[in-house]
C-alpha cells in the first residue's frame, strides 16, 4: 500500500500462483502522482523477489497501459484464452 501523508494513494493485490510465479490481480494508484504506479510495482517486485516470474496481466488493448507494461521490459508474453459456454 502506498500512503502519502496518511492518505492511501495506491495499492496492489496479488498472489503467489506457485513456487516460481506470482500474479498481480489489481494495481491502483492516484494518476495525479507521477511515478506512483512505478513505485508500487517496484515495491511489490521486491516483496516477490523469490519468484522467478511476476505476471501483471493483460493490457486490455489500451495503448497507454501497453506502453507502461512494456516499460517494465517483460520477459515474454503468454497466449491468452477466452472461455465461454457453448
N, C-alpha and C. Protein backbone atom coordinates (compact mmCIF):
# COMPACT_ATOMS: atom_id res chain seq x y z
N UNK A 1 0.85 -1.17 0.00
CA UNK A 1 0.00 0.00 0.00
C UNK A 1 0.90 1.23 0.00
N UNK A 2 0.52 2.22 -0.77
CA UNK A 2 1.25 3.48 -0.84
C UNK A 2 0.45 4.53 -0.06
N UNK A 3 1.07 5.04 0.99
CA UNK A 3 0.45 6.11 1.78
C UNK A 3 1.33 7.34 1.68
N UNK A 4 0.69 8.46 1.46
CA UNK A 4 1.39 9.74 1.44
C UNK A 4 0.66 10.65 2.41
N UNK A 5 1.38 11.12 3.44
CA UNK A 5 0.80 11.95 4.48
C UNK A 5 -0.46 11.31 5.07
N UNK A 6 -0.41 9.98 5.27
CA UNK A 6 -1.51 9.26 5.88
C UNK A 6 -2.65 8.91 4.94
N UNK A 7 -2.59 9.38 3.71
CA UNK A 7 -3.66 9.13 2.72
C UNK A 7 -3.24 7.96 1.82
N UNK A 8 -4.14 6.99 1.63
CA UNK A 8 -3.85 5.88 0.71
C UNK A 8 -3.91 6.42 -0.72
N UNK A 9 -2.78 6.28 -1.43
CA UNK A 9 -2.68 6.78 -2.80
C UNK A 9 -2.45 5.65 -3.80
N UNK A 10 -2.31 4.42 -3.30
CA UNK A 10 -2.13 3.30 -4.21
C UNK A 10 -2.11 1.98 -3.46
N UNK A 11 -2.47 0.92 -4.16
CA UNK A 11 -2.41 -0.41 -3.55
C UNK A 11 -2.27 -1.45 -4.66
N UNK A 12 -1.80 -2.61 -4.27
CA UNK A 12 -1.63 -3.73 -5.17
C UNK A 12 -2.11 -4.99 -4.47
N UNK A 13 -2.89 -5.79 -5.18
CA UNK A 13 -3.31 -7.10 -4.69
C UNK A 13 -2.77 -8.15 -5.63
N UNK A 14 -2.19 -9.18 -5.07
CA UNK A 14 -1.67 -10.26 -5.88
C UNK A 14 -1.59 -11.53 -5.07
N UNK A 15 -1.08 -12.57 -5.73
CA UNK A 15 -0.94 -13.86 -5.06
C UNK A 15 0.20 -14.63 -5.69
N UNK A 16 0.74 -15.54 -4.92
CA UNK A 16 1.72 -16.48 -5.46
C UNK A 16 0.92 -17.60 -6.11
N UNK A 17 1.15 -17.81 -7.39
CA UNK A 17 0.44 -18.84 -8.13
C UNK A 17 1.05 -20.21 -7.87
N UNK A 18 2.36 -20.26 -7.82
CA UNK A 18 3.10 -21.47 -7.48
C UNK A 18 4.46 -21.04 -6.95
N UNK A 19 5.40 -21.94 -6.85
CA UNK A 19 6.68 -21.60 -6.23
C UNK A 19 7.52 -20.63 -7.06
N UNK A 20 7.23 -20.50 -8.35
CA UNK A 20 8.05 -19.60 -9.16
C UNK A 20 7.29 -18.44 -9.80
N UNK A 21 5.98 -18.41 -9.69
CA UNK A 21 5.19 -17.38 -10.36
C UNK A 21 4.22 -16.70 -9.42
N UNK A 22 4.15 -15.38 -9.52
CA UNK A 22 3.16 -14.59 -8.78
C UNK A 22 2.27 -13.87 -9.80
N UNK A 23 1.03 -13.65 -9.44
CA UNK A 23 0.08 -12.93 -10.28
C UNK A 23 -0.31 -11.64 -9.58
N UNK A 24 -0.21 -10.54 -10.29
CA UNK A 24 -0.72 -9.27 -9.79
C UNK A 24 -2.15 -9.17 -10.32
N UNK A 25 -3.10 -9.12 -9.42
CA UNK A 25 -4.51 -9.12 -9.80
C UNK A 25 -5.06 -7.71 -9.97
N UNK A 26 -4.68 -6.80 -9.09
CA UNK A 26 -5.19 -5.42 -9.12
C UNK A 26 -4.06 -4.47 -8.76
N UNK A 27 -3.91 -3.43 -9.55
CA UNK A 27 -2.98 -2.34 -9.24
C UNK A 27 -3.74 -1.03 -9.41
N UNK A 28 -3.77 -0.23 -8.39
CA UNK A 28 -4.45 1.07 -8.47
C UNK A 28 -3.57 2.12 -7.80
N UNK A 29 -3.38 3.24 -8.48
CA UNK A 29 -2.67 4.37 -7.88
C UNK A 29 -3.34 5.66 -8.32
N UNK A 30 -3.08 6.70 -7.59
CA UNK A 30 -3.57 8.03 -7.93
C UNK A 30 -2.79 8.51 -9.15
N UNK A 31 -3.47 8.67 -10.28
CA UNK A 31 -2.80 9.05 -11.53
C UNK A 31 -2.25 10.47 -11.48
N UNK A 32 -2.65 11.25 -10.50
CA UNK A 32 -2.14 12.62 -10.38
C UNK A 32 -0.79 12.67 -9.67
N UNK A 33 -0.30 11.52 -9.21
CA UNK A 33 1.00 11.46 -8.54
C UNK A 33 2.00 10.78 -9.48
N UNK A 34 2.86 11.57 -10.12
CA UNK A 34 3.83 10.99 -11.06
C UNK A 34 4.71 9.95 -10.37
N UNK A 35 4.85 8.80 -11.03
CA UNK A 35 5.71 7.75 -10.52
C UNK A 35 5.09 6.84 -9.49
N UNK A 36 3.84 7.09 -9.09
CA UNK A 36 3.21 6.27 -8.06
C UNK A 36 3.06 4.82 -8.51
N UNK A 37 2.64 4.60 -9.75
CA UNK A 37 2.45 3.23 -10.25
C UNK A 37 3.79 2.49 -10.31
N UNK A 38 4.82 3.17 -10.76
CA UNK A 38 6.14 2.56 -10.85
C UNK A 38 6.68 2.24 -9.45
N UNK A 39 6.44 3.13 -8.51
CA UNK A 39 6.88 2.89 -7.13
C UNK A 39 6.18 1.66 -6.55
N UNK A 40 4.86 1.54 -6.78
CA UNK A 40 4.12 0.38 -6.27
C UNK A 40 4.62 -0.90 -6.92
N UNK A 41 4.87 -0.87 -8.23
CA UNK A 41 5.34 -2.08 -8.91
C UNK A 41 6.71 -2.49 -8.38
N UNK A 42 7.59 -1.53 -8.19
CA UNK A 42 8.92 -1.81 -7.64
C UNK A 42 8.79 -2.43 -6.25
N UNK A 43 7.91 -1.87 -5.45
CA UNK A 43 7.70 -2.34 -4.08
C UNK A 43 7.19 -3.78 -4.06
N UNK A 44 6.21 -4.10 -4.91
CA UNK A 44 5.67 -5.45 -4.94
C UNK A 44 6.69 -6.42 -5.54
N UNK A 45 7.48 -5.96 -6.50
CA UNK A 45 8.53 -6.81 -7.08
C UNK A 45 9.57 -7.17 -6.02
N UNK A 46 9.89 -6.25 -5.15
CA UNK A 46 10.82 -6.54 -4.05
C UNK A 46 10.20 -7.56 -3.10
N UNK A 47 8.92 -7.39 -2.79
CA UNK A 47 8.21 -8.34 -1.92
C UNK A 47 8.20 -9.74 -2.51
N UNK A 48 8.08 -9.82 -3.84
CA UNK A 48 8.00 -11.12 -4.52
C UNK A 48 9.34 -11.52 -5.16
N UNK A 49 10.43 -11.03 -4.62
CA UNK A 49 11.75 -11.25 -5.22
C UNK A 49 12.13 -12.72 -5.31
N UNK A 50 11.54 -13.58 -4.51
CA UNK A 50 11.86 -15.00 -4.58
C UNK A 50 11.14 -15.70 -5.73
N UNK A 51 10.21 -15.01 -6.41
CA UNK A 51 9.52 -15.57 -7.57
C UNK A 51 10.34 -15.29 -8.83
N UNK A 52 10.39 -16.26 -9.72
CA UNK A 52 11.09 -16.08 -10.99
C UNK A 52 10.30 -15.16 -11.91
N UNK A 53 8.98 -15.31 -11.89
CA UNK A 53 8.10 -14.56 -12.79
C UNK A 53 7.03 -13.82 -12.01
N UNK A 54 6.69 -12.62 -12.52
CA UNK A 54 5.56 -11.86 -11.98
C UNK A 54 4.66 -11.54 -13.15
N UNK A 55 3.47 -12.11 -13.15
CA UNK A 55 2.50 -11.89 -14.22
C UNK A 55 1.66 -10.67 -13.86
N UNK A 56 1.72 -9.65 -14.70
CA UNK A 56 0.94 -8.44 -14.42
C UNK A 56 -0.31 -8.33 -15.27
N UNK A 57 -0.61 -9.38 -16.02
CA UNK A 57 -1.87 -9.43 -16.73
C UNK A 57 -1.89 -8.71 -18.06
N UNK A 58 -3.09 -8.56 -18.57
CA UNK A 58 -3.36 -8.06 -19.90
C UNK A 58 -3.33 -6.53 -19.94
N UNK A 59 -3.07 -5.98 -21.12
CA UNK A 59 -3.12 -4.52 -21.29
C UNK A 59 -4.50 -4.05 -21.74
N UNK A 60 -5.44 -4.98 -21.87
CA UNK A 60 -6.83 -4.68 -22.22
C UNK A 60 -6.99 -3.94 -23.54
N UNK A 61 -5.94 -3.97 -24.37
CA UNK A 61 -5.99 -3.27 -25.65
C UNK A 61 -5.82 -1.76 -25.53
N UNK A 62 -5.44 -1.28 -24.35
CA UNK A 62 -5.26 0.16 -24.13
C UNK A 62 -3.81 0.54 -24.40
N UNK A 63 -3.60 1.49 -25.32
CA UNK A 63 -2.25 1.87 -25.73
C UNK A 63 -1.37 2.33 -24.57
N UNK A 64 -1.89 3.19 -23.72
CA UNK A 64 -1.10 3.71 -22.61
C UNK A 64 -0.72 2.59 -21.64
N UNK A 65 -1.66 1.71 -21.35
CA UNK A 65 -1.38 0.59 -20.45
C UNK A 65 -0.34 -0.34 -21.06
N UNK A 66 -0.43 -0.57 -22.36
CA UNK A 66 0.57 -1.39 -23.05
C UNK A 66 1.95 -0.74 -22.95
N UNK A 67 2.02 0.58 -23.18
CA UNK A 67 3.29 1.30 -23.11
C UNK A 67 3.92 1.14 -21.72
N UNK A 68 3.10 1.32 -20.69
CA UNK A 68 3.60 1.20 -19.32
C UNK A 68 4.09 -0.22 -19.06
N UNK A 69 3.30 -1.22 -19.43
CA UNK A 69 3.69 -2.60 -19.19
C UNK A 69 4.96 -2.97 -19.95
N UNK A 70 5.11 -2.48 -21.18
CA UNK A 70 6.33 -2.74 -21.94
C UNK A 70 7.54 -2.05 -21.32
N UNK A 71 7.32 -0.95 -20.62
CA UNK A 71 8.44 -0.24 -19.97
C UNK A 71 9.08 -1.07 -18.86
N UNK A 72 8.38 -2.08 -18.37
CA UNK A 72 8.93 -2.97 -17.35
C UNK A 72 9.78 -4.08 -17.97
N UNK A 73 9.95 -4.03 -19.30
CA UNK A 73 10.78 -4.98 -20.03
C UNK A 73 10.39 -6.43 -19.75
N UNK A 74 9.19 -6.83 -20.17
CA UNK A 74 8.74 -8.20 -19.89
C UNK A 74 9.62 -9.24 -20.57
N UNK A 75 9.74 -10.37 -19.92
CA UNK A 75 10.50 -11.49 -20.46
C UNK A 75 9.79 -12.07 -21.69
N UNK A 76 8.48 -12.04 -21.68
CA UNK A 76 7.71 -12.57 -22.80
C UNK A 76 6.23 -12.43 -22.55
N UNK A 77 5.49 -13.04 -23.44
CA UNK A 77 4.04 -12.99 -23.35
C UNK A 77 3.50 -14.41 -23.35
N UNK A 78 2.40 -14.59 -22.67
CA UNK A 78 1.73 -15.88 -22.65
C UNK A 78 0.43 -15.71 -23.41
N UNK A 79 0.13 -16.65 -24.27
CA UNK A 79 -1.10 -16.58 -25.04
C UNK A 79 -2.30 -16.61 -24.09
N UNK A 80 -3.28 -15.77 -24.36
CA UNK A 80 -4.47 -15.76 -23.51
C UNK A 80 -5.63 -16.41 -24.24
N UNK A 81 -6.56 -16.90 -23.46
CA UNK A 81 -7.72 -17.59 -23.99
C UNK A 81 -8.97 -17.03 -23.34
N UNK A 82 -10.05 -17.06 -24.07
CA UNK A 82 -11.37 -16.71 -23.52
C UNK A 82 -12.21 -17.98 -23.55
N UNK A 83 -12.76 -18.28 -22.42
CA UNK A 83 -13.63 -19.45 -22.32
C UNK A 83 -15.07 -19.00 -22.31
N UNK A 84 -15.90 -19.75 -22.99
CA UNK A 84 -17.32 -19.45 -22.96
C UNK A 84 -18.10 -20.75 -23.11
N UNK A 85 -19.24 -20.77 -22.56
CA UNK A 85 -20.11 -21.93 -22.65
C UNK A 85 -20.81 -21.92 -24.00
N UNK A 86 -20.83 -23.05 -24.68
CA UNK A 86 -21.49 -23.14 -25.98
C UNK A 86 -22.76 -23.95 -25.88
